[in-house]
Amino acid sequence: MLDAYSHFFFVGIAGTGMSAIAQYLRGKGKEVSGSDRLFGQEQKLLSETQFEAMGINCYFQDGRGITPDVDVVVVSTAIEETNVEYQKALQLNIPIMKRSAILAEISNSVRTIAVGGTSGKSTTTAMVFHIMEQCGKSPSLITGAGLSVLQEKGLPGNAWVGKSDWLVIESDESDGSIGNYKPEISLLLNIDRDHKEYDELEQLFSTFRDNTKSFFIANQDYALTKKLSQSNNYNFGTVDGAAIRGTNFKQEGFSISFDVNGVSCTIPAIGKHNMENALAAIAATSAAGISIEESTKALATFRGIYRRAQLVGKTKNNCYVIDDFAHNPAEVAAVTSGTATLETAYLRCPQVVCYQLGGGVLFYKIMEYALRHIRYVSLVNLLLDGFSKVHPLETPAVTELLGYKLSVQSLHAELVKVCGESAARARMLRHYERMSEILGEPGAPVRAAKAILERLN
């Protein structure tokens, strides 16, 4: 179907999921343009200048970019039918397609390795891509986080067009679109309560498994993923019986090492969760014909991805500032566990977690975990202009907060203490309105982390 279209217009192109597909299609020779509510300012966003350098025309989201020569308008689930550009497309009788449908069309037309699960998808997808690239497979990539090695080329880093028919994608379960893919090889990393309840997640991942053409590879360390396993030579984990098994895990500073079926593997990363991610990537690439020895050699040069245990800097007192996108309790636990083993001059001092103010039940569960398990927490509120305000919450000071069920009201009250009722309400409303843009725009979270680094110095 996509071959019939020449010009694609993306509404909200700066969003991570949208931008990756837009870049991929541009790399395949299609004409691509798009809009965003943050475009058209006096000072252009980094992503806007990057898109324009690729030949992607960028517009403010007011409908002017949608003209009769556009063949199809692409929208995400965040775009409502009342959106001015959605309405403009209807007026011009231009077909409208969901982002998930476009990705399904792309992935089902090539040999795809799809990475699924509720945590670790972006890192594992990047590892699979890195191994295949290093081993001469020349894959393409569509993912949810920028790879450092691609960002150093001046790219957003979440997409790449290779020369082969292999494509590595991050498969999203949050909107149910994971059930639309028909990959050659599928990875199931884990199942935790995140965007959906367990029974719904189990059904989605069962469909994901059933749609897989060749190898469905599951983590054997968790009961729910093991339950969905198919019998093959590539299931992974640390338990006896895992075909791709990791043992002898060690972490020294910003480096982890372990054995994979007796083969030594060292990666410049932190945390045991990254051994699990690496085992998954090795399993998938083994199914694609790459030996364990080749994969482990490639992972030694893995550069990591944007905002996944990313080292922002180190103070003169040898205190490290690490930025991580962890957005559910399992991910917060993984990154704090990984950082707890770092040997620094500040080892006896409390850990610090800087968190972007979010919303919904999941955010409050994350905050509850942080407040209960970490001795010092900083609540970071990011505004649209990237300004950050750091509010330290020392555990003794939040005893009352922990004394009753954590709620929207209790955390809102805490924010009110910092900046007043009207400002707190405005910030929360603005965040809800623009959450996708904030999370998708490189720069703002890292600027907040760098502000922390300056304060520590």
Protein backbone atom coordinates (compact mmCIF):
# COMPACT_ATOMS: atom_id res chain seq x y z
CA MET A 1 0.00 0.00 0.00
CA LEU A 2 2.76 2.47 0.91
CA ASP A 3 4.29 2.16 -2.55
CA ALA A 4 1.22 3.95 -3.89
CA TYR A 5 2.06 7.09 -1.92
CA SER A 6 4.84 9.54 -2.71
CA HIS A 7 4.28 12.39 -0.23
CA PHE A 8 3.69 11.72 3.48
CA PHE A 9 2.70 14.47 5.94
CA PHE A 10 3.17 13.76 9.68
CA VAL A 11 1.03 15.65 12.21
CA GLY A 12 3.20 15.98 15.34
CA ILE A 13 6.38 14.89 13.58
CA ALA A 14 8.61 15.83 16.53
CA GLY A 15 7.19 13.00 18.62
CA THR A 16 9.62 10.11 18.98
CA GLY A 17 7.43 7.48 17.33
CA MET A 18 6.40 9.75 14.48
CA SER A 19 9.87 11.11 13.77
CA ALA A 20 11.42 7.66 13.42
CA ILE A 21 8.96 6.58 10.73
CA ALA A 22 9.27 9.94 8.97
CA GLN A 23 13.06 9.60 8.80
CA TYR A 24 12.81 6.01 7.57
CA LEU A 25 10.44 6.93 4.74
CA ARG A 26 12.63 9.88 3.79
CA GLY A 27 15.63 7.55 3.70
CA LYS A 28 13.66 5.30 1.36
CA GLY A 29 13.24 8.17 -1.08
CA LYS A 30 9.75 9.34 -0.18
CA GLU A 31 8.82 13.02 0.05
CA VAL A 32 8.15 13.77 3.72
CA SER A 33 6.89 16.85 5.52
CA GLY A 34 5.37 17.44 8.91
CA SER A 35 4.17 19.81 11.58
CA ASP A 36 4.51 20.35 15.28
CA ARG A 37 3.19 22.92 17.73
CA LEU A 38 6.76 23.68 18.79
CA PHE A 39 7.95 24.44 15.26
CA GLY A 40 8.13 27.87 13.69
CA GLN A 41 9.68 29.65 16.67
CA GLU A 42 12.36 32.30 16.33
CA GLN A 43 14.89 29.83 17.67
CA LYS A 44 14.41 26.50 15.91
CA LEU A 45 14.39 23.23 17.80
CA LEU A 46 17.27 20.85 17.21
CA SER A 47 14.90 18.26 15.75
CA GLU A 48 13.49 20.86 13.35
CA THR A 49 16.93 21.71 11.96
CA GLN A 50 17.81 18.01 11.74
CA PHE A 51 14.66 17.25 9.76
CA GLU A 52 15.28 20.14 7.38
CA ALA A 53 18.83 18.93 6.78
CA MET A 54 17.31 15.62 5.63
CA GLY A 55 14.99 17.40 3.23
CA ILE A 56 11.91 17.14 5.45
CA ASN A 57 9.86 20.35 5.30
CA CYS A 58 8.68 21.51 8.73
CA TYR A 59 5.63 23.63 9.59
CA PHE A 60 3.83 25.02 12.59
CA GLN A 61 0.74 22.92 13.29
CA ASP A 62 -1.86 25.20 11.73
CA GLY A 63 -2.77 23.36 8.52
CA ARG A 64 -0.70 25.35 6.04
CA GLY A 65 1.61 22.40 5.34
CA ILE A 66 -1.23 20.18 4.15
CA THR A 67 -1.73 20.90 0.47
CA PRO A 68 -3.35 18.94 -2.39
CA ASP A 69 0.00 17.38 -3.35
CA VAL A 70 0.10 15.45 -0.03
CA ASP A 71 -0.82 11.81 -0.66
CA VAL A 72 -1.44 10.70 2.92
CA VAL A 73 -1.58 12.35 6.35
CA VAL A 74 -0.13 10.35 9.24
CA VAL A 75 -1.44 10.84 12.79
CA SER A 76 -0.80 9.24 16.17
CA THR A 77 -3.40 8.30 18.77
CA ALA A 78 -2.68 11.65 20.46
CA ILE A 79 -4.19 13.56 17.51
CA GLU A 80 -7.94 14.02 17.85
CA GLU A 81 -10.38 14.45 14.98
CA THR A 82 -10.92 18.07 16.04
CA ASN A 83 -7.27 18.88 15.26
CA VAL A 84 -7.04 21.59 12.59
CA GLU A 85 -4.79 19.48 10.36
CA TYR A 86 -6.97 16.39 10.71
CA GLN A 87 -9.87 18.53 9.54
CA LYS A 88 -7.80 20.01 6.69
CA ALA A 89 -6.99 16.50 5.43
CA LEU A 90 -10.69 15.60 5.48
CA GLN A 91 -11.56 18.78 3.56
CA LEU A 92 -9.01 17.92 0.85
CA ASN A 93 -10.06 14.23 0.77
CA ILE A 94 -6.53 13.15 1.68
CA PRO A 95 -6.31 9.66 3.25
CA ILE A 96 -5.47 9.63 6.96
CA MET A 97 -3.44 6.77 8.44
CA LYS A 98 -2.46 5.97 12.02
CA ARG A 99 1.24 5.86 12.86
CA SER A 100 0.85 2.26 14.03
CA ALA A 101 -0.68 1.21 10.70
CA ILE A 102 2.22 2.78 8.77
CA LEU A 103 4.76 0.97 10.95
CA ALA A 104 2.90 -2.32 10.50
CA GLU A 105 2.92 -1.85 6.71
CA ILE A 106 6.66 -1.17 6.76
CA SER A 107 7.61 -3.99 9.12
CA ASN A 108 5.44 -6.59 7.41
CA SER A 109 7.09 -5.91 4.04
CA VAL A 110 10.63 -6.81 5.15
CA ARG A 111 12.44 -9.20 7.50
CA THR A 112 11.75 -7.64 10.88
CA ILE A 113 13.13 -8.24 14.34
CA ALA A 114 10.52 -6.82 16.75
CA VAL A 115 11.38 -6.15 20.39
CA GLY A 116 8.47 -6.26 22.84
CA GLY A 117 7.98 -6.05 26.60
CA THR A 118 7.13 -3.44 29.17
CA SER A 119 10.72 -2.49 30.06
CA GLY A 120 14.06 -2.42 28.24
CA LYS A 121 12.73 -2.28 24.68
CA SER A 122 14.70 0.76 23.53
CA THR A 123 18.04 -0.48 24.85
CA THR A 124 17.55 -4.01 23.53
CA THR A 125 16.46 -2.71 20.12
CA ALA A 126 19.61 -0.59 20.00
CA MET A 127 21.76 -3.58 20.99
CA VAL A 128 20.23 -5.77 18.27
CA PHE A 129 20.81 -3.05 15.69
CA HIS A 130 24.39 -2.48 16.88
CA ILE A 131 25.29 -6.17 16.71
CA MET A 132 23.82 -6.56 13.22
CA GLU A 133 25.48 -3.37 11.99
CA GLN A 134 28.86 -4.40 13.38
CA CYS A 135 28.52 -7.86 11.87
CA GLY A 136 27.86 -6.59 8.35
CA LYS A 137 24.08 -7.18 8.15
CA SER A 138 23.37 -3.48 7.36
CA PRO A 139 19.93 -3.36 9.04
CA SER A 140 17.43 -0.53 9.16
CA LEU A 141 16.09 0.81 12.44
CA ILE A 142 12.87 2.33 13.82
CA THR A 143 12.94 2.80 17.58
CA GLY A 144 11.86 5.00 20.47
CA ALA A 145 15.17 6.43 21.69
CA GLY A 146 18.18 7.93 19.99
CA LEU A 147 21.35 5.85 19.70
CA SER A 148 24.41 7.79 20.79
CA VAL A 149 26.39 6.61 17.78
CA LEU A 150 23.73 8.01 15.41
CA GLN A 151 23.27 11.25 17.36
CA GLU A 152 26.99 11.88 16.96
CA LYS A 153 26.32 11.97 13.21
CA GLY A 154 23.96 14.91 13.78
CA LEU A 155 20.82 12.75 13.55
CA PRO A 156 17.93 12.36 16.01
CA GLY A 157 19.24 8.80 16.35
CA ASN A 158 15.99 6.85 16.47
CA ALA A 159 15.98 5.74 12.81
CA TRP A 160 18.37 4.47 10.18
CA VAL A 161 18.03 3.06 6.68
CA GLY A 162 20.42 0.21 5.91
CA LYS A 163 21.16 -1.65 2.71
CA SER A 164 19.63 -5.02 3.55
CA ASP A 165 16.03 -6.16 4.04
CA TRP A 166 16.52 -6.54 7.81
CA LEU A 167 14.61 -4.04 9.98
CA VAL A 168 14.84 -3.77 13.77
CA ILE A 169 11.86 -2.14 15.49
CA GLU A 170 10.72 -1.32 19.00
CA SER A 171 7.20 -2.73 19.36
CA ASP A 172 4.82 -0.70 21.49
CA GLU A 173 2.18 -2.47 23.56
CA SER A 174 0.70 0.72 25.06
CA ASP A 175 -1.70 1.35 22.16
CA GLY A 176 -2.22 -2.29 21.23
CA SER A 177 -0.40 -1.89 17.90
CA ILE A 178 2.03 -4.69 18.74
CA GLY A 179 -0.67 -7.10 17.58
CA ASN A 180 -0.45 -5.70 14.03
CA TYR A 181 3.12 -6.80 13.35
CA LYS A 182 4.17 -10.01 11.62
CA PRO A 183 7.89 -10.14 12.39
CA GLU A 184 10.41 -12.71 11.31
CA ILE A 185 11.86 -12.78 14.84
CA SER A 186 10.16 -11.50 18.01
CA LEU A 187 11.61 -10.81 21.44
CA LEU A 188 9.57 -10.73 24.65
CA LEU A 189 11.63 -9.19 27.44
CA ASN A 190 9.24 -8.97 30.38
CA ILE A 191 5.66 -8.25 31.42
CA ASP A 192 5.01 -5.70 34.16
CA ARG A 193 1.96 -3.59 34.87
CA ASP A 194 2.67 -0.45 32.89
CA HIS A 195 0.21 1.06 30.42
CA LYS A 196 -2.20 -1.88 30.72
CA GLU A 197 -3.33 -4.56 33.18
CA TYR A 198 -1.71 -8.00 33.24
CA ASP A 199 -4.54 -9.92 31.57
CA GLU A 200 -4.66 -7.45 28.68
CA LEU A 201 -0.87 -7.51 28.33
CA GLU A 202 -0.85 -11.31 28.27
CA GLN A 203 -3.42 -11.32 25.46
CA LEU A 204 -1.46 -8.74 23.46
CA PHE A 205 1.81 -10.61 23.77
CA SER A 206 0.08 -13.90 22.90
CA THR A 207 -1.04 -12.29 19.63
CA PHE A 208 2.51 -10.97 19.16
CA ARG A 209 3.78 -14.54 19.53
CA ASP A 210 1.19 -16.06 17.22
CA ASN A 211 1.94 -13.52 14.48
CA THR A 212 5.68 -14.28 14.50
CA LYS A 213 6.84 -16.00 11.31
CA SER A 214 9.96 -17.84 12.50
CA PHE A 215 11.23 -17.41 16.07
CA PHE A 216 9.39 -16.09 19.13
CA ILE A 217 12.07 -15.65 21.79
CA ALA A 218 11.07 -15.16 25.43
CA ASN A 219 12.81 -14.39 28.71
CA GLN A 220 12.86 -17.52 30.89
CA ASP A 221 13.51 -15.63 34.14
CA TYR A 222 9.90 -14.47 34.59
CA ALA A 223 6.84 -16.65 35.02
CA LEU A 224 4.60 -14.63 32.70
CA THR A 225 7.07 -14.51 29.80
CA LYS A 226 8.06 -18.16 30.27
CA LYS A 227 4.37 -19.08 30.15
CA LEU A 228 4.16 -17.64 26.63
CA SER A 229 7.36 -19.31 25.41
CA GLN A 230 7.63 -21.43 22.33
CA SER A 231 10.14 -24.26 22.28
CA ASN A 232 13.25 -23.14 20.39
CA ASN A 233 16.99 -22.87 20.71
CA TYR A 234 17.01 -19.13 21.42
CA ASN A 235 14.99 -18.48 24.59
CA PHE A 236 17.19 -16.58 27.04
CA GLY A 237 17.67 -15.92 30.74
CA THR A 238 19.86 -16.69 33.74
CA VAL A 239 18.03 -19.83 34.90
CA ASP A 240 18.90 -23.43 34.14
CA GLY A 241 17.34 -24.50 30.87
CA ALA A 242 17.65 -21.15 29.09
CA ALA A 243 19.16 -21.76 25.65
CA ILE A 244 21.04 -18.45 25.74
CA ARG A 245 22.11 -18.27 29.38
CA GLY A 246 23.93 -15.55 31.28
CA THR A 247 26.09 -16.36 34.32
CA ASN A 248 28.79 -14.81 36.51
CA PHE A 249 27.49 -11.24 36.40
CA LYS A 250 29.84 -8.53 37.69
CA GLN A 251 29.82 -4.75 37.64
CA GLU A 252 32.87 -2.56 38.02
CA GLY A 253 32.22 1.15 37.66
CA PHE A 254 30.47 1.80 34.35
CA SER A 255 31.15 -1.65 32.96
CA ILE A 256 29.36 -4.97 33.32
CA SER A 257 30.70 -8.41 32.48
CA PHE A 258 29.16 -11.87 32.36
CA ASP A 259 29.37 -15.15 30.46
CA VAL A 260 26.96 -16.19 27.71
CA ASN A 261 27.01 -19.95 27.22
CA GLY A 262 30.62 -19.83 28.38
CA VAL A 263 31.60 -16.89 26.16
CA SER A 264 32.83 -13.79 27.99
CA CYS A 265 30.93 -10.56 27.38
CA THR A 266 31.82 -7.04 28.58
CA ILE A 267 29.63 -3.99 27.93
CA PRO A 268 30.19 -0.33 28.89
CA ALA A 269 26.90 -0.11 30.81
CA ILE A 270 25.54 -0.44 34.34
CA GLY A 271 23.01 -2.73 35.98
CA LYS A 272 22.02 -6.36 35.83
CA HIS A 273 19.04 -5.39 33.71
CA ASN A 274 21.48 -4.60 30.90
CA MET A 275 22.77 -8.16 31.04
CA GLU A 276 19.16 -9.26 30.45
CA ASN A 277 18.86 -6.81 27.55
CA ALA A 278 22.13 -8.09 26.09
CA LEU A 279 21.07 -11.73 26.42
CA ALA A 280 17.88 -10.90 24.53
CA ALA A 281 19.84 -9.13 21.78
CA ILE A 282 22.30 -12.04 21.51
CA ALA A 283 19.39 -14.48 21.29
CA ALA A 284 17.71 -12.53 18.48
CA THR A 285 20.90 -12.09 16.48
CA SER A 286 21.72 -15.77 16.96
CA ALA A 287 18.39 -16.58 15.34
CA ALA A 288 19.42 -14.23 12.52
CA GLY A 289 22.61 -16.23 11.92
CA ILE A 290 25.20 -14.36 14.02
CA SER A 291 27.34 -16.38 16.43
CA ILE A 292 27.48 -15.65 20.16
CA GLU A 293 31.18 -14.88 19.79
CA GLU A 294 30.49 -12.26 17.12
CA SER A 295 27.66 -10.71 19.14
CA THR A 296 29.65 -10.40 22.36
CA LYS A 297 32.55 -8.83 20.46
CA ALA A 298 30.17 -6.26 18.95
CA LEU A 299 28.58 -5.39 22.31
CA ALA A 300 31.97 -4.38 23.68
CA THR A 301 31.65 -1.22 21.56
CA PHE A 302 27.98 -0.50 22.34
CA ARG A 303 27.65 3.24 23.01
CA GLY A 304 24.24 3.27 24.65
CA ILE A 305 21.15 5.37 23.96
CA TYR A 306 19.72 8.73 24.92
CA ARG A 307 18.52 8.99 28.54
CA ARG A 308 19.05 5.34 29.43
CA ALA A 309 21.52 5.40 32.34
CA GLN A 310 23.25 8.17 30.41
CA LEU A 311 26.26 9.68 32.16
CA VAL A 312 25.71 13.45 32.10
CA GLY A 313 28.90 14.29 33.97
CA LYS A 314 30.96 13.98 37.12
CA THR A 315 31.57 16.61 39.80
CA LYS A 316 34.97 17.63 41.09
CA ASN A 317 34.18 15.47 44.14
CA ASN A 318 33.73 12.41 41.93
CA CYS A 319 29.93 12.38 42.19
CA TYR A 320 28.24 11.05 39.06
CA VAL A 321 25.05 12.51 37.56
CA ILE A 322 23.14 9.93 35.51
CA ASP A 323 20.01 10.61 33.47
CA ASP A 324 17.49 7.83 32.89
CA PHE A 325 14.04 7.77 31.33
CA ALA A 326 12.79 5.09 33.77
CA HIS A 327 9.00 5.43 33.68
CA ASN A 328 7.61 2.52 35.64
CA PRO A 329 8.53 1.09 39.07
CA ALA A 330 10.48 -1.85 37.58
CA GLU A 331 12.67 0.52 35.54
CA VAL A 332 13.24 2.83 38.50
CA ALA A 333 14.30 -0.19 40.56
CA ALA A 334 16.66 -1.38 37.82
CA VAL A 335 18.51 1.89 37.37
CA THR A 336 18.79 2.64 41.09
CA SER A 337 20.10 -0.86 41.68
CA GLY A 338 22.70 -0.36 38.95
CA THR A 339 23.87 2.99 40.29
CA ALA A 340 24.02 1.75 43.89
CA THR A 341 27.11 -0.33 43.10
CA LEU A 342 29.14 2.53 41.66
CA GLU A 343 32.33 3.14 43.60
CA THR A 344 32.63 6.88 44.14
CA ALA A 345 33.85 9.23 46.79
CA TYR A 346 30.16 9.87 47.53
CA LEU A 347 29.36 6.22 48.15
CA ARG A 348 28.21 6.94 51.71
CA CYS A 349 25.97 9.80 50.58
CA PRO A 350 22.32 9.37 49.56
CA GLN A 351 21.32 8.60 46.02
CA VAL A 352 19.49 11.34 44.15
CA VAL A 353 16.68 10.74 41.71
CA CYS A 354 15.62 13.62 39.47
CA TYR A 355 12.18 13.02 38.07
CA GLN A 356 10.18 14.90 35.46
CA LEU A 357 6.73 15.71 36.78
CA GLY A 358 4.26 13.42 35.05
CA GLY A 359 0.68 12.43 35.56
CA GLY A 360 -1.66 9.51 36.04
CA VAL A 361 -1.68 6.55 38.38
CA LEU A 362 1.62 5.15 37.13
CA PHE A 363 3.54 8.33 37.97
CA TYR A 364 2.35 8.22 41.56
CA LYS A 365 3.31 4.57 41.88
CA ILE A 366 6.79 5.50 40.67
CA MET A 367 7.02 8.34 43.16
CA GLU A 368 5.80 6.06 45.92
CA TYR A 369 8.55 3.57 45.08
CA ALA A 370 11.17 6.31 45.02
CA LEU A 371 10.06 7.86 48.30
CA ARG A 372 10.01 4.50 50.05
CA HIS A 373 13.28 3.08 48.74
CA ILE A 374 15.61 6.01 48.08
CA ARG A 375 16.93 8.21 50.84
CA TYR A 376 16.84 11.45 48.90
CA VAL A 377 14.54 12.37 46.05
CA SER A 378 14.40 15.50 43.93
CA LEU A 379 11.17 16.29 42.13
CA VAL A 380 12.10 18.07 38.90
CA ASN A 381 9.41 20.03 37.10
CA LEU A 382 10.28 20.74 33.46
CA LEU A 383 8.54 23.63 31.76
CA LEU A 384 8.05 23.90 28.02
CA ASP A 385 11.02 26.21 27.65
CA GLY A 386 13.31 23.68 29.28
CA PHE A 387 13.56 25.58 32.59
CA SER A 388 13.92 23.23 35.52
CA LYS A 389 13.04 23.78 39.16
CA VAL A 390 14.53 21.33 41.61
CA HIS A 391 12.54 20.60 44.73
CA PRO A 392 14.37 18.35 47.22
CA LEU A 393 12.17 15.96 49.18
CA GLU A 394 14.22 14.53 52.04
CA THR A 395 12.63 11.40 53.41
CA PRO A 396 12.18 12.66 57.01
CA ALA A 397 10.27 15.64 55.60
CA VAL A 398 7.75 13.48 53.75
CA THR A 399 6.73 11.20 56.60
CA GLU A 400 3.26 12.71 56.52
CA LEU A 401 3.11 12.21 52.76
CA LEU A 402 3.90 8.53 53.19
CA GLY A 403 1.53 8.19 56.12
CA TYR A 404 -1.49 7.97 53.84
CA LYS A 405 -2.16 6.68 50.36
CA LEU A 406 -0.11 8.55 47.80
CA SER A 407 -2.47 10.44 45.53
CA VAL A 408 -2.72 13.11 42.90
CA GLN A 409 -3.91 15.50 45.58
CA SER A 410 -1.04 14.84 47.99
CA LEU A 411 1.67 15.31 45.38
CA HIS A 412 -0.10 18.31 43.93
CA ALA A 413 -0.14 19.80 47.42
CA GLU A 414 3.60 19.22 47.65
CA LEU A 415 4.10 21.08 44.37
CA VAL A 416 1.88 23.92 45.59
CA LYS A 417 4.28 24.42 48.50
CA VAL A 418 7.06 25.03 46.01
CA CYS A 419 5.49 27.46 43.58
CA GLY A 420 1.97 28.35 44.72
CA GLU A 421 -1.48 27.16 43.71
CA SER A 422 -1.91 28.96 40.39
CA ALA A 423 1.57 28.18 39.13
CA ALA A 424 1.29 24.53 40.18
CA ARG A 425 -2.03 24.14 38.38
CA ALA A 426 -0.70 25.87 35.26
CA ARG A 427 2.36 23.66 35.18
CA MET A 428 0.36 20.47 35.56
CA LEU A 429 -2.13 21.48 32.87
CA ARG A 430 0.61 22.55 30.48
CA HIS A 431 2.41 19.30 31.07
CA TYR A 432 -0.64 17.17 30.31
CA GLU A 433 -1.28 19.16 27.14
CA ARG A 434 2.24 18.81 25.83
CA MET A 435 3.58 15.62 27.41
CA SER A 436 4.43 13.92 24.11
CA GLU A 437 6.38 16.93 22.88
CA ILE A 438 8.29 17.30 26.15
CA LEU A 439 9.24 13.64 26.27
CA GLY A 440 10.14 13.57 22.59
CA GLU A 441 12.21 16.73 22.43
CA PRO A 442 15.93 16.16 23.00
CA GLY A 443 17.49 18.64 25.35
CA ALA A 444 15.06 19.63 28.08
CA PRO A 445 15.56 16.63 30.42
CA VAL A 446 19.32 16.67 29.91
CA ARG A 447 19.41 20.39 30.63
CA ALA A 448 17.71 19.63 33.94
CA ALA A 449 20.29 16.94 34.72
CA LYS A 450 23.10 19.35 33.87
CA ALA A 451 21.52 21.89 36.21
CA ILE A 452 21.77 19.27 38.97
CA LEU A 453 25.42 18.74 38.07
CA GLU A 454 26.10 22.48 38.40
CA ARG A 455 24.37 22.61 41.78
CA LEU A 456 26.45 19.71 43.09
CA ASN A 457 29.61 21.53 42.05
